[in-house]
Amino acid sequence: MKLLLVALVMLTVVEAQWHRYPGQAIGGAKDMWRAYRDMREANTKESDKYFHARGNYEAANRGPGGKWAAKVISDGREALQGLTRRGNSDAAADQEANRWGRNGGDPNRYRPNGLDSKY
C-alpha cells in the first residue's frame, strides 16, 4: 500500500511538471537561435565557442525541455556539418563548449577579447 502511495505521489509530481516541457523546449530553441543570430551579428574572431556555450546555457536554464532542445540542436548542427563536410576542424571543441554551457558552466569562459559587451 505504501509503495502504491509513493508511486502515485511521484507520478503526480512528474505529471505536474510535464506540461512545462514543450514550452521550455520552444524557449530553448529560441535561445539557441538568438545565440546564433548574435554570433553572426558580432562577427568577432574566436567568438563561436562563447556563443555555443551561451546558447546552451540559456536554453538549459529553462528546465529539462530547454536542455533537451539545446542538445538536439547542438548535436544536429555538428552532425550536419560533418555530413556536408562544411564543418570546421574544431567540432570537438564546439561540442565541449556546448556541453559546458548546457551543464551550467559560465559561457564567459569562452569570451574572446574584443567581443562587444552587449553580448
Protein backbone atom coordinates (compact mmCIF):
# COMPACT_ATOMS: atom_id res chain seq x y z
CA MET A 1 0.00 0.00 0.00
CA LYS A 2 2.80 2.40 0.88
CA LEU A 3 4.56 1.61 -2.38
CA LEU A 4 1.39 2.40 -4.32
CA LEU A 5 1.01 5.69 -2.46
CA VAL A 6 4.64 6.64 -3.20
CA ALA A 7 4.17 5.72 -6.86
CA LEU A 8 1.04 7.88 -7.10
CA VAL A 9 2.77 10.84 -5.47
CA MET A 10 5.78 10.50 -7.81
CA LEU A 11 3.50 10.25 -10.85
CA THR A 12 1.61 13.36 -9.73
CA VAL A 13 4.84 15.33 -9.34
CA VAL A 14 6.16 14.24 -12.73
CA GLU A 15 2.84 14.87 -14.42
CA ALA A 16 2.55 18.29 -12.79
CA GLN A 17 5.83 19.32 -14.41
CA TRP A 18 5.28 17.60 -17.77
CA HIS A 19 3.10 20.37 -19.20
CA ARG A 20 6.04 22.79 -18.94
CA TYR A 21 8.38 20.68 -21.09
CA PRO A 22 7.13 21.82 -24.53
CA GLY A 23 7.30 25.49 -23.54
CA GLN A 24 10.80 25.01 -22.17
CA ALA A 25 11.84 23.30 -25.40
CA ILE A 26 10.42 26.08 -27.56
CA GLY A 27 12.06 28.73 -25.39
CA GLY A 28 15.34 26.80 -25.52
CA ALA A 29 15.19 26.68 -29.31
CA LYS A 30 14.66 30.46 -29.32
CA ASP A 31 17.68 30.89 -27.04
CA MET A 32 19.79 28.83 -29.43
CA TRP A 33 18.56 30.89 -32.41
CA ARG A 34 19.30 34.14 -30.57
CA ALA A 35 22.86 32.99 -29.77
CA TYR A 36 23.38 32.04 -33.44
CA ARG A 37 21.99 35.37 -34.65
CA ASP A 38 24.18 37.28 -32.17
CA MET A 39 27.24 35.31 -33.28
CA ARG A 40 26.58 36.28 -36.90
CA GLU A 41 25.97 39.89 -35.94
CA ALA A 42 29.05 40.13 -33.71
CA ASN A 43 31.28 38.74 -36.44
CA THR A 44 34.15 38.60 -33.95
CA LYS A 45 37.10 36.31 -34.45
CA GLU A 46 37.32 33.39 -31.99
CA SER A 47 33.81 34.01 -30.60
CA ASP A 48 31.98 30.88 -31.79
CA LYS A 49 32.74 28.85 -28.63
CA TYR A 50 31.32 31.64 -26.47
CA PHE A 51 28.06 31.68 -28.43
CA HIS A 52 27.85 27.87 -28.39
CA ALA A 53 28.21 27.89 -24.60
CA ARG A 54 25.85 30.85 -24.15
CA GLY A 55 23.04 29.39 -26.25
CA ASN A 56 23.24 26.05 -24.46
CA TYR A 57 23.47 27.73 -21.04
CA GLU A 58 20.41 29.92 -21.59
CA ALA A 59 18.36 27.08 -23.08
CA ALA A 60 19.25 24.64 -20.29
CA ASN A 61 18.33 27.20 -17.63
CA ARG A 62 14.73 26.98 -18.82
CA GLY A 63 14.50 23.43 -17.50
CA PRO A 64 14.61 19.89 -18.88
CA GLY A 65 12.80 20.83 -22.09
CA GLY A 66 15.26 23.61 -22.82
CA LYS A 67 18.22 21.36 -22.08
CA TRP A 68 16.80 18.74 -24.45
CA ALA A 69 16.32 21.34 -27.21
CA ALA A 70 19.89 22.60 -26.77
CA LYS A 71 21.29 19.09 -27.04
CA VAL A 72 19.24 18.20 -30.12
CA ILE A 73 20.11 21.45 -31.90
CA SER A 74 23.81 21.34 -30.97
CA ASP A 75 24.25 17.69 -31.88
CA GLY A 76 22.24 18.09 -35.07
CA ARG A 77 24.28 21.07 -36.19
CA GLU A 78 27.57 19.29 -35.64
CA ALA A 79 26.30 16.14 -37.37
CA LEU A 80 25.04 18.12 -40.36
CA GLN A 81 28.34 19.95 -40.70
CA GLY A 82 30.15 16.63 -40.58
CA LEU A 83 27.94 15.15 -43.31
CA THR A 84 28.21 18.12 -45.62
CA ARG A 85 31.94 18.48 -44.98
CA ARG A 86 31.33 22.16 -44.39
CA GLY A 87 32.23 21.78 -40.77
CA ASN A 88 35.29 23.27 -39.22
CA SER A 89 38.17 21.31 -37.81
CA ASP A 90 37.29 22.20 -34.22
CA ALA A 91 33.96 20.37 -33.97
CA ALA A 92 35.14 18.60 -30.80
CA ALA A 93 35.91 21.97 -29.18
CA ASP A 94 32.48 23.26 -30.23
CA GLN A 95 30.83 20.23 -28.62
CA GLU A 96 32.86 20.75 -25.43
CA ALA A 97 31.60 24.36 -25.28
CA ASN A 98 28.05 23.10 -25.90
CA ARG A 99 28.29 20.64 -23.01
CA TRP A 100 29.93 23.24 -20.76
CA GLY A 101 27.05 25.68 -21.21
CA ARG A 102 24.35 23.01 -21.11
CA ASN A 103 25.68 21.73 -17.78
CA GLY A 104 25.61 25.17 -16.17
CA GLY A 105 29.15 26.36 -16.89
CA ASP A 106 29.70 30.10 -17.26
CA PRO A 107 29.82 30.96 -21.00
CA ASN A 108 32.31 33.75 -20.26
CA ARG A 109 34.96 31.07 -20.00
CA TYR A 110 35.00 31.25 -23.82
CA ARG A 111 34.53 35.01 -24.18
CA PRO A 112 37.16 36.38 -26.56
CA ASN A 113 38.88 39.71 -26.11
CA GLY A 114 37.24 42.40 -28.17
CA LEU A 115 33.72 40.96 -28.09
CA ASP A 116 31.19 43.78 -27.68
CA SER A 117 29.87 43.97 -24.10
CA LYS A 118 26.25 43.82 -25.36
CA TYR A 119 26.79 40.08 -25.84
